[in-house]
Amino acid sequence: MPFIGEVWRVERGTEVVGEITVTEANFPWLNGRFAPGPAYPELQPHFARELELIDTLDDDLSAWEDAYGRASDGVRLVAPGAGPVAEFLLHIEGDAAWFRWSDEPFPK
């Protein structure tokens, strides 16, 4: 199955936030094991906060957008063999990560 076993990198500038080894492909989402890198501890509270707020999107979208913005500020998702993707949505909880991406920016 495509994607299974691939290792995607999460980077912030020149620092490694972590690596995601894909274990499940459920279009449009890829799920995997997250191995944190040196840049992750600074971002971890922001990823935790955005997950806390995800269930309140209908009530307060701006709070979730702020939390996710802090988690993803300066972060890029790097596809194996292809380089950084144009746009992505990434969630990290413990040693689990799930994401979707696009080669084109998401419509605003």
C-alpha atoms as a PDB file:
ATOM      1  CA  MET A   1       0.000   0.000   0.000  1.00  0.00           C
ATOM      2  CA  PRO A   2       1.398   3.438  -0.889  1.00  0.00           C
ATOM      3  CA  PHE A   3       2.771   5.562   1.956  1.00  0.00           C
ATOM      4  CA  ILE A   4       2.993   2.746   4.538  1.00  0.00           C
ATOM      5  CA  GLY A   5       6.503   2.712   6.002  1.00  0.00           C
ATOM      6  CA  GLU A   6       7.456   6.119   4.603  1.00  0.00           C
ATOM      7  CA  VAL A   7       9.184   8.522   6.961  1.00  0.00           C
ATOM      8  CA  TRP A   8       8.029  12.140   6.758  1.00  0.00           C
ATOM      9  CA  ARG A   9      10.058  14.853   8.494  1.00  0.00           C
ATOM     10  CA  VAL A  10       8.679  17.783  10.414  1.00  0.00           C
ATOM     11  CA  GLU A  11      11.116  20.687  10.453  1.00  0.00           C
ATOM     12  CA  ARG A  12      11.272  24.212  11.809  1.00  0.00           C
ATOM     13  CA  GLY A  13      13.993  26.212  10.150  1.00  0.00           C
ATOM     14  CA  THR A  14      17.071  24.017  10.328  1.00  0.00           C
ATOM     15  CA  GLU A  15      15.812  22.121  13.386  1.00  0.00           C
ATOM     16  CA  VAL A  16      14.094  18.748  13.379  1.00  0.00           C
ATOM     17  CA  VAL A  17      10.721  18.769  15.124  1.00  0.00           C
ATOM     18  CA  GLY A  18      10.347  15.049  14.534  1.00  0.00           C
ATOM     19  CA  GLU A  19       9.747  12.208  12.125  1.00  0.00           C
ATOM     20  CA  ILE A  20       6.521  10.406  11.323  1.00  0.00           C
ATOM     21  CA  THR A  21       6.655   6.796  10.157  1.00  0.00           C
ATOM     22  CA  VAL A  22       3.398   6.165   8.319  1.00  0.00           C
ATOM     23  CA  THR A  23       1.495   3.141   9.616  1.00  0.00           C
ATOM     24  CA  GLU A  24      -1.941   3.767   8.116  1.00  0.00           C
ATOM     25  CA  ALA A  25      -3.236   5.525   5.009  1.00  0.00           C
ATOM     26  CA  ASN A  26      -6.891   6.518   5.219  1.00  0.00           C
ATOM     27  CA  PHE A  27      -7.318   9.111   2.462  1.00  0.00           C
ATOM     28  CA  PRO A  28      -6.934  12.020   2.877  1.00  0.00           C
ATOM     29  CA  TRP A  29      -5.220  11.359   6.221  1.00  0.00           C
ATOM     30  CA  LEU A  30      -1.967   9.540   6.929  1.00  0.00           C
ATOM     31  CA  ASN A  31      -1.412   8.227  10.459  1.00  0.00           C
ATOM     32  CA  GLY A  32       1.864   7.197  11.988  1.00  0.00           C
ATOM     33  CA  ARG A  33       4.300   6.891  14.855  1.00  0.00           C
ATOM     34  CA  PHE A  34       5.869  10.201  15.871  1.00  0.00           C
ATOM     35  CA  ALA A  35       9.482  10.318  17.024  1.00  0.00           C
ATOM     36  CA  PRO A  36      10.200  13.755  18.500  1.00  0.00           C
ATOM     37  CA  GLY A  37      13.294  15.710  17.567  1.00  0.00           C
ATOM     38  CA  PRO A  38      15.147  18.474  19.412  1.00  0.00           C
ATOM     39  CA  ALA A  39      12.721  21.229  18.337  1.00  0.00           C
ATOM     40  CA  TYR A  40       9.584  19.432  19.544  1.00  0.00           C
ATOM     41  CA  PRO A  41       9.534  20.324  23.264  1.00  0.00           C
ATOM     42  CA  GLU A  42       8.952  24.009  22.477  1.00  0.00           C
ATOM     43  CA  LEU A  43       5.989  23.172  20.205  1.00  0.00           C
ATOM     44  CA  GLN A  44       4.460  20.323  22.218  1.00  0.00           C
ATOM     45  CA  PRO A  45       2.244  22.535  24.427  1.00  0.00           C
ATOM     46  CA  HIS A  46       0.802  24.212  21.330  1.00  0.00           C
ATOM     47  CA  PHE A  47      -0.012  20.886  19.648  1.00  0.00           C
ATOM     48  CA  ALA A  48      -1.640  19.723  22.903  1.00  0.00           C
ATOM     49  CA  ARG A  49      -3.686  22.915  23.127  1.00  0.00           C
ATOM     50  CA  GLU A  50      -4.943  22.721  19.537  1.00  0.00           C
ATOM     51  CA  LEU A  51      -6.158  19.164  20.172  1.00  0.00           C
ATOM     52  CA  GLU A  52      -7.973  20.314  23.319  1.00  0.00           C
ATOM     53  CA  LEU A  53      -9.762  22.934  21.225  1.00  0.00           C
ATOM     54  CA  ILE A  54     -10.536  20.824  18.149  1.00  0.00           C
ATOM     55  CA  ASP A  55     -13.889  19.721  19.546  1.00  0.00           C
ATOM     56  CA  THR A  56     -14.924  23.351  20.020  1.00  0.00           C
ATOM     57  CA  LEU A  57     -14.441  24.433  16.400  1.00  0.00           C
ATOM     58  CA  ASP A  58     -18.133  25.198  15.999  1.00  0.00           C
ATOM     59  CA  ASP A  59     -18.119  27.373  19.119  1.00  0.00           C
ATOM     60  CA  ASP A  60     -14.801  29.216  18.785  1.00  0.00           C
ATOM     61  CA  LEU A  61     -12.851  28.665  15.586  1.00  0.00           C
ATOM     62  CA  SER A  62     -10.515  31.579  16.308  1.00  0.00           C
ATOM     63  CA  ALA A  63      -9.166  29.965  19.506  1.00  0.00           C
ATOM     64  CA  TRP A  64      -8.291  26.770  17.627  1.00  0.00           C
ATOM     65  CA  GLU A  65      -6.766  28.756  14.745  1.00  0.00           C
ATOM     66  CA  ASP A  66      -4.591  30.662  17.220  1.00  0.00           C
ATOM     67  CA  ALA A  67      -3.405  27.474  18.930  1.00  0.00           C
ATOM     68  CA  TYR A  68      -2.735  25.703  15.635  1.00  0.00           C
ATOM     69  CA  GLY A  69      -0.961  28.796  14.322  1.00  0.00           C
ATOM     70  CA  ARG A  70       1.395  28.675  17.298  1.00  0.00           C
ATOM     71  CA  ALA A  71       2.021  24.947  16.777  1.00  0.00           C
ATOM     72  CA  SER A  72       2.691  25.268  13.055  1.00  0.00           C
ATOM     73  CA  ASP A  73       4.490  28.638  12.964  1.00  0.00           C
ATOM     74  CA  GLY A  74       7.566  28.189  10.807  1.00  0.00           C
ATOM     75  CA  VAL A  75       6.999  24.428  10.597  1.00  0.00           C
ATOM     76  CA  ARG A  76       7.197  22.519   7.330  1.00  0.00           C
ATOM     77  CA  LEU A  77       6.251  18.963   6.465  1.00  0.00           C
ATOM     78  CA  VAL A  78       8.766  17.227   4.230  1.00  0.00           C
ATOM     79  CA  ALA A  79       7.642  14.330   2.038  1.00  0.00           C
ATOM     80  CA  PRO A  80      10.197  11.579   1.465  1.00  0.00           C
ATOM     81  CA  GLY A  81      11.941  12.060  -1.859  1.00  0.00           C
ATOM     82  CA  ALA A  82       9.790  15.065  -2.772  1.00  0.00           C
ATOM     83  CA  GLY A  83      10.681  17.811  -0.306  1.00  0.00           C
ATOM     84  CA  PRO A  84       8.407  20.220   1.565  1.00  0.00           C
ATOM     85  CA  VAL A  85       4.701  20.120   0.751  1.00  0.00           C
ATOM     86  CA  ALA A  86       2.809  23.326  -0.068  1.00  0.00           C
ATOM     87  CA  GLU A  87       0.154  22.999   2.642  1.00  0.00           C
ATOM     88  CA  PHE A  88      -0.635  20.600   5.477  1.00  0.00           C
ATOM     89  CA  LEU A  89      -2.667  20.015   8.589  1.00  0.00           C
ATOM     90  CA  LEU A  90      -0.814  18.109  11.318  1.00  0.00           C
ATOM     91  CA  HIS A  91      -1.845  16.800  14.724  1.00  0.00           C
ATOM     92  CA  ILE A  92       0.550  15.261  17.242  1.00  0.00           C
ATOM     93  CA  GLU A  93      -0.407  13.507  20.470  1.00  0.00           C
ATOM     94  CA  GLY A  94       2.232  11.539  22.341  1.00  0.00           C
ATOM     95  CA  ASP A  95       3.870   9.152  19.917  1.00  0.00           C
ATOM     96  CA  ALA A  96       1.010   9.410  17.393  1.00  0.00           C
ATOM     97  CA  ALA A  97       0.672  11.854  14.507  1.00  0.00           C
ATOM     98  CA  TRP A  98      -1.868  12.247  11.747  1.00  0.00           C
ATOM     99  CA  PHE A  99      -1.771  14.633   8.842  1.00  0.00           C
ATOM    100  CA  ARG A 100      -3.079  15.557   5.434  1.00  0.00           C
ATOM    101  CA  TRP A 101      -1.250  17.565   2.822  1.00  0.00           C
ATOM    102  CA  SER A 102      -1.509  19.151  -0.580  1.00  0.00           C
ATOM    103  CA  ASP A 103       0.976  20.046  -3.277  1.00  0.00           C
ATOM    104  CA  GLU A 104      -1.111  23.199  -3.779  1.00  0.00           C
ATOM    105  CA  PRO A 105      -2.056  25.723  -1.085  1.00  0.00           C
ATOM    106  CA  PHE A 106      -5.456  25.061   0.519  1.00  0.00           C
ATOM    107  CA  PRO A 107      -8.199  27.439  -0.644  1.00  0.00           C
ATOM    108  CA  LYS A 108      -8.792  30.288   1.789  1.00  0.00           C
END
